[in-house]
Amino acid sequence: MAGKRTMMICSLLALICLLANPAFAGKGNGSAPGHGKGNSAGNGDLDQWWQHLSQGERQMLHDRHEILQSLPPEQQDRLQRRWQRYRDMSPEERQQMQKKFQRWQDMEPQDRDRLRGTYRKFKDLPEDQRRQLKEELYQLRDLEPAARERQRKEIYRKFFPNQ
């Protein structure tokens, strides 16, 4: 179940990245594209963008839209807020996010699972420990790779001793 949800969220994020490409960015009203012509005035660019998609891309977007519509209202709202935050990002912030998403996509499945588990453990920590953990991890960025990895393992043992 968690795997399906994760795959759906990743697909929706991919949809967001696709919709945010330069041909689309800033056009429309932030919602999914319409299906062909007949949209209200002012959506000519959106119609043109939609017409230039391949049939496979259109079908994928249609399928993702159907999935979105089938979600409970609170999940739809959360995704719409995330989409709006994405649209409000600067191009540099979007590029950073896309690089992180690509890094996630390139990970081996077992590494993604391990990272998800670590995140769940992180969320279970008390607020003061989460803050301290963030600070200690932030300090790792200045270390050489070998020293960074040694220190990261030590920090992990410190905050998650039973693992």
Protein backbone atom coordinates (compact mmCIF):
# COMPACT_ATOMS: atom_id res chain seq x y z
CA MET A 1 0.00 0.00 0.00
CA ALA A 2 2.77 2.45 0.95
CA GLY A 3 4.60 1.59 -2.27
CA LYS A 4 1.54 2.41 -4.39
CA ARG A 5 1.03 5.68 -2.56
CA THR A 6 4.70 6.59 -2.98
CA MET A 7 4.57 5.75 -6.68
CA MET A 8 1.43 7.86 -7.07
CA ILE A 9 3.02 10.80 -5.26
CA CYS A 10 6.16 10.47 -7.40
CA SER A 11 4.00 10.38 -10.51
CA LEU A 12 2.12 13.46 -9.39
CA LEU A 13 5.41 15.22 -8.72
CA ALA A 14 6.56 14.23 -12.19
CA LEU A 15 3.32 15.70 -13.51
CA ILE A 16 4.03 18.91 -11.63
CA CYS A 17 7.53 19.04 -13.11
CA LEU A 18 6.13 18.40 -16.58
CA LEU A 19 3.51 21.10 -16.17
CA ALA A 20 6.13 23.52 -14.89
CA ASN A 21 8.35 23.29 -17.93
CA PRO A 22 9.11 26.58 -19.68
CA ALA A 23 6.40 26.03 -22.30
CA PHE A 24 3.79 25.96 -19.54
CA ALA A 25 5.21 27.92 -16.60
CA GLY A 26 3.03 30.84 -15.64
CA LYS A 27 0.22 29.96 -18.06
CA GLY A 28 -3.29 28.88 -17.22
CA ASN A 29 -4.71 28.97 -13.74
CA GLY A 30 -2.53 26.35 -12.09
CA SER A 31 -4.91 23.48 -12.68
CA ALA A 32 -4.56 20.50 -14.98
CA PRO A 33 -4.89 21.21 -18.69
CA GLY A 34 -8.23 20.88 -20.42
CA HIS A 35 -8.97 18.20 -22.92
CA GLY A 36 -8.56 19.84 -26.28
CA LYS A 37 -10.25 22.97 -27.55
CA GLY A 38 -13.20 24.82 -26.15
CA ASN A 39 -11.49 26.35 -23.14
CA SER A 40 -12.39 29.87 -22.12
CA ALA A 41 -10.70 32.86 -23.70
CA GLY A 42 -7.14 33.46 -22.61
CA ASN A 43 -6.16 29.79 -22.63
CA GLY A 44 -4.83 29.79 -26.18
CA ASP A 45 -1.28 29.11 -25.00
CA LEU A 46 -2.55 26.24 -22.87
CA ASP A 47 -4.50 24.81 -25.79
CA GLN A 48 -1.45 25.10 -28.00
CA TRP A 49 0.71 23.42 -25.37
CA TRP A 50 -1.83 20.62 -25.00
CA GLN A 51 -2.01 20.10 -28.77
CA HIS A 52 1.78 19.76 -28.99
CA LEU A 53 1.85 16.91 -26.48
CA SER A 54 2.16 13.40 -27.80
CA GLN A 55 -0.84 11.11 -27.39
CA GLY A 56 1.09 9.22 -24.69
CA GLU A 57 1.76 12.41 -22.73
CA ARG A 58 -1.87 13.46 -23.00
CA GLN A 59 -3.02 10.04 -21.81
CA MET A 60 -0.57 10.09 -18.90
CA LEU A 61 -1.78 13.56 -17.84
CA HIS A 62 -5.39 12.46 -18.19
CA ASP A 63 -4.71 9.37 -16.05
CA ARG A 64 -2.95 11.44 -13.39
CA HIS A 65 -5.82 13.91 -13.39
CA GLU A 66 -8.25 11.02 -12.83
CA ILE A 67 -6.11 9.80 -9.93
CA LEU A 68 -6.07 13.29 -8.45
CA GLN A 69 -9.85 13.57 -8.72
CA SER A 70 -10.25 10.21 -6.94
CA LEU A 71 -8.26 11.36 -3.88
CA PRO A 72 -10.02 12.52 -0.71
CA PRO A 73 -10.58 16.29 -0.64
CA GLU A 74 -7.91 16.88 2.04
CA GLN A 75 -5.27 15.14 -0.11
CA GLN A 76 -6.38 17.11 -3.16
CA ASP A 77 -6.07 20.33 -1.14
CA ARG A 78 -2.61 19.36 0.10
CA LEU A 79 -1.42 18.61 -3.44
CA GLN A 80 -2.91 21.86 -4.74
CA ARG A 81 -1.10 23.82 -2.01
CA ARG A 82 2.15 22.05 -2.94
CA TRP A 83 1.55 22.83 -6.60
CA GLN A 84 0.98 26.48 -5.77
CA ARG A 85 4.16 26.60 -3.67
CA TYR A 86 6.01 25.07 -6.61
CA ARG A 87 4.59 27.69 -9.00
CA ASP A 88 5.66 30.43 -6.56
CA MET A 89 9.26 29.21 -6.53
CA SER A 90 11.98 31.03 -8.39
CA PRO A 91 13.49 29.25 -11.41
CA GLU A 92 16.58 28.47 -9.31
CA GLU A 93 14.47 26.89 -6.56
CA ARG A 94 12.57 24.84 -9.13
CA GLN A 95 15.81 23.65 -10.67
CA GLN A 96 17.09 22.61 -7.22
CA MET A 97 13.88 20.74 -6.54
CA GLN A 98 14.03 18.98 -9.90
CA LYS A 99 17.64 17.95 -9.25
CA LYS A 100 16.64 16.49 -5.88
CA PHE A 101 13.70 14.69 -7.46
CA GLN A 102 15.97 13.26 -10.13
CA ARG A 103 18.45 12.13 -7.48
CA TRP A 104 15.54 10.38 -5.70
CA GLN A 105 14.44 8.74 -8.97
CA ASP A 106 18.00 7.53 -9.63
CA MET A 107 18.29 5.87 -6.21
CA GLU A 108 18.12 2.12 -5.86
CA PRO A 109 14.76 1.00 -4.39
CA GLN A 110 16.39 -0.33 -1.22
CA ASP A 111 18.13 3.03 -0.69
CA ARG A 112 14.80 4.85 -1.05
CA ASP A 113 13.23 2.43 1.45
CA ARG A 114 16.09 3.03 3.88
CA LEU A 115 15.70 6.77 3.51
CA ARG A 116 11.94 6.57 4.07
CA GLY A 117 12.55 4.55 7.24
CA THR A 118 15.06 7.10 8.49
CA TYR A 119 12.59 9.91 7.81
CA ARG A 120 9.87 8.09 9.78
CA LYS A 121 12.28 7.70 12.70
CA PHE A 122 13.24 11.37 12.40
CA LYS A 123 9.58 12.42 12.59
CA ASP A 124 9.20 10.38 15.80
CA LEU A 125 12.02 12.26 17.55
CA PRO A 126 11.12 15.03 20.00
CA GLU A 127 11.37 18.53 18.51
CA ASP A 128 14.57 19.43 20.37
CA GLN A 129 16.33 16.27 19.13
CA ARG A 130 15.15 16.90 15.56
CA ARG A 131 16.59 20.42 15.74
CA GLN A 132 19.89 19.12 17.15
CA LEU A 133 20.07 16.38 14.51
CA LYS A 134 19.50 18.93 11.73
CA GLU A 135 22.28 21.12 13.10
CA GLU A 136 24.73 18.24 13.34
CA LEU A 137 23.90 17.04 9.83
CA TYR A 138 24.24 20.58 8.49
CA GLN A 139 27.78 20.72 9.87
CA LEU A 140 28.72 17.65 7.82
CA ARG A 141 28.62 19.60 4.57
CA ASP A 142 32.09 21.06 5.16
CA LEU A 143 33.79 17.70 5.75
CA GLU A 144 35.67 15.56 3.25
CA PRO A 145 33.54 12.64 1.95
CA ALA A 146 35.20 9.91 4.05
CA ALA A 147 35.04 11.98 7.24
CA ARG A 148 31.47 13.01 6.41
CA GLU A 149 30.40 9.38 6.09
CA ARG A 150 32.09 8.37 9.36
CA GLN A 151 30.49 11.29 11.20
CA ARG A 152 27.09 10.59 9.60
CA LYS A 153 27.17 7.02 10.89
CA GLU A 154 28.12 8.25 14.35
CA ILE A 155 25.26 10.75 14.35
CA TYR A 156 22.86 8.02 13.20
CA ARG A 157 23.95 5.75 16.08
CA LYS A 158 23.56 8.65 18.49
CA PHE A 159 20.00 9.52 17.48
CA PHE A 160 18.77 6.04 16.50
CA PRO A 161 20.65 3.73 18.91
CA ASN A 162 18.39 0.68 18.54
CA GLN A 163 18.92 0.33 14.81
